[in-house]
């Protein structure tokens, strides 16, 4: 099936079918992104800085549980 044929058929699908295809495509994109992408030099620098900050003061931040609770309380 050609790309044109696939695109022609997409509007004929119901919402659940389109969501299933969207989810599958998104998973493919994630796999491609994470298998081919490397952090830029700037991103590496920022990650190194964040790690150094954490190593210097590991108790300065909040746990994921606390952050999640704050976010959910605002919804």
C-alpha atoms as a PDB file:
ATOM      1  CA  UNK A   1       0.000   0.000   0.000  1.00  0.00           C
ATOM      2  CA  UNK A   2       1.394   3.383  -0.954  1.00  0.00           C
ATOM      3  CA  UNK A   3       1.626   6.392   1.317  1.00  0.00           C
ATOM      4  CA  UNK A   4      -1.066   8.118  -0.742  1.00  0.00           C
ATOM      5  CA  UNK A   5      -3.396   5.136  -0.255  1.00  0.00           C
ATOM      6  CA  UNK A   6      -2.751   5.118   3.488  1.00  0.00           C
ATOM      7  CA  UNK A   7      -3.429   8.850   3.762  1.00  0.00           C
ATOM      8  CA  UNK A   8      -6.600   8.413   1.727  1.00  0.00           C
ATOM      9  CA  UNK A   9      -7.882   5.742   4.135  1.00  0.00           C
ATOM     10  CA  UNK A  10      -7.113   7.569   7.403  1.00  0.00           C
ATOM     11  CA  UNK A  11     -10.217   9.817   7.383  1.00  0.00           C
ATOM     12  CA  UNK A  12     -12.379   6.717   6.983  1.00  0.00           C
ATOM     13  CA  UNK A  13     -11.197   5.256  10.291  1.00  0.00           C
ATOM     14  CA  UNK A  14     -13.049   5.778  13.540  1.00  0.00           C
ATOM     15  CA  UNK A  15     -11.509   7.650  16.462  1.00  0.00           C
ATOM     16  CA  UNK A  16     -10.253   4.531  18.229  1.00  0.00           C
ATOM     17  CA  UNK A  17      -8.584   3.232  15.080  1.00  0.00           C
ATOM     18  CA  UNK A  18      -6.904   6.585  14.412  1.00  0.00           C
ATOM     19  CA  UNK A  19      -5.717   6.756  18.025  1.00  0.00           C
ATOM     20  CA  UNK A  20      -4.233   3.266  17.720  1.00  0.00           C
ATOM     21  CA  UNK A  21      -2.342   4.321  14.602  1.00  0.00           C
ATOM     22  CA  UNK A  22      -1.233   7.578  16.241  1.00  0.00           C
ATOM     23  CA  UNK A  23       0.051   5.675  19.274  1.00  0.00           C
ATOM     24  CA  UNK A  24       1.943   3.237  17.088  1.00  0.00           C
ATOM     25  CA  UNK A  25       3.521   6.065  15.075  1.00  0.00           C
ATOM     26  CA  UNK A  26       4.470   7.895  18.262  1.00  0.00           C
ATOM     27  CA  UNK A  27       6.200   4.769  19.596  1.00  0.00           C
ATOM     28  CA  UNK A  28       8.144   4.476  16.343  1.00  0.00           C
ATOM     29  CA  UNK A  29       9.210   8.116  16.621  1.00  0.00           C
ATOM     30  CA  UNK A  30      10.362   7.604  20.208  1.00  0.00           C
ATOM     31  CA  UNK A  31      12.398   4.555  19.232  1.00  0.00           C
ATOM     32  CA  UNK A  32      14.004   6.427  16.346  1.00  0.00           C
ATOM     33  CA  UNK A  33      14.681   9.513  18.451  1.00  0.00           C
ATOM     34  CA  UNK A  34      16.254   7.681  21.355  1.00  0.00           C
ATOM     35  CA  UNK A  35      18.267   5.326  19.171  1.00  0.00           C
ATOM     36  CA  UNK A  36      19.737   8.041  16.938  1.00  0.00           C
ATOM     37  CA  UNK A  37      19.854  11.217  19.013  1.00  0.00           C
ATOM     38  CA  UNK A  38      22.731  12.203  21.209  1.00  0.00           C
ATOM     39  CA  UNK A  39      22.665  15.166  23.554  1.00  0.00           C
ATOM     40  CA  UNK A  40      24.222  18.324  22.147  1.00  0.00           C
ATOM     41  CA  UNK A  41      27.332  19.784  23.756  1.00  0.00           C
ATOM     42  CA  UNK A  42      25.147  22.379  25.488  1.00  0.00           C
ATOM     43  CA  UNK A  43      22.816  19.681  26.815  1.00  0.00           C
ATOM     44  CA  UNK A  44      25.792  17.654  28.046  1.00  0.00           C
ATOM     45  CA  UNK A  45      27.108  20.743  29.834  1.00  0.00           C
ATOM     46  CA  UNK A  46      23.719  21.411  31.453  1.00  0.00           C
ATOM     47  CA  UNK A  47      23.406  17.788  32.546  1.00  0.00           C
ATOM     48  CA  UNK A  48      26.910  17.872  34.011  1.00  0.00           C
ATOM     49  CA  UNK A  49      26.070  21.098  35.871  1.00  0.00           C
ATOM     50  CA  UNK A  50      22.839  19.621  37.228  1.00  0.00           C
ATOM     51  CA  UNK A  51      24.689  16.527  38.413  1.00  0.00           C
ATOM     52  CA  UNK A  52      27.403  18.646  40.055  1.00  0.00           C
ATOM     53  CA  UNK A  53      24.730  20.729  41.807  1.00  0.00           C
ATOM     54  CA  UNK A  54      23.055  17.568  43.027  1.00  0.00           C
ATOM     55  CA  UNK A  55      26.337  16.050  44.221  1.00  0.00           C
ATOM     56  CA  UNK A  56      27.132  19.261  46.120  1.00  0.00           C
ATOM     57  CA  UNK A  57      23.731  19.362  47.828  1.00  0.00           C
ATOM     58  CA  UNK A  58      21.633  16.209  47.283  1.00  0.00           C
ATOM     59  CA  UNK A  59      18.856  17.344  49.643  1.00  0.00           C
ATOM     60  CA  UNK A  60      18.220  20.701  47.968  1.00  0.00           C
ATOM     61  CA  UNK A  61      15.459  19.517  45.644  1.00  0.00           C
ATOM     62  CA  UNK A  62      12.078  17.891  46.038  1.00  0.00           C
ATOM     63  CA  UNK A  63      11.208  14.246  45.593  1.00  0.00           C
ATOM     64  CA  UNK A  64       9.121  13.213  42.617  1.00  0.00           C
ATOM     65  CA  UNK A  65       6.296  12.331  45.007  1.00  0.00           C
ATOM     66  CA  UNK A  66       6.281  15.904  46.396  1.00  0.00           C
ATOM     67  CA  UNK A  67       6.441  17.489  42.948  1.00  0.00           C
ATOM     68  CA  UNK A  68       3.655  15.245  41.644  1.00  0.00           C
ATOM     69  CA  UNK A  69       1.470  16.024  44.670  1.00  0.00           C
ATOM     70  CA  UNK A  70       1.942  19.787  44.136  1.00  0.00           C
ATOM     71  CA  UNK A  71       1.038  19.485  40.459  1.00  0.00           C
ATOM     72  CA  UNK A  72      -2.030  17.347  41.133  1.00  0.00           C
ATOM     73  CA  UNK A  73      -3.234  19.689  43.880  1.00  0.00           C
ATOM     74  CA  UNK A  74      -3.383  22.513  41.320  1.00  0.00           C
ATOM     75  CA  UNK A  75      -5.576  20.608  38.867  1.00  0.00           C
END
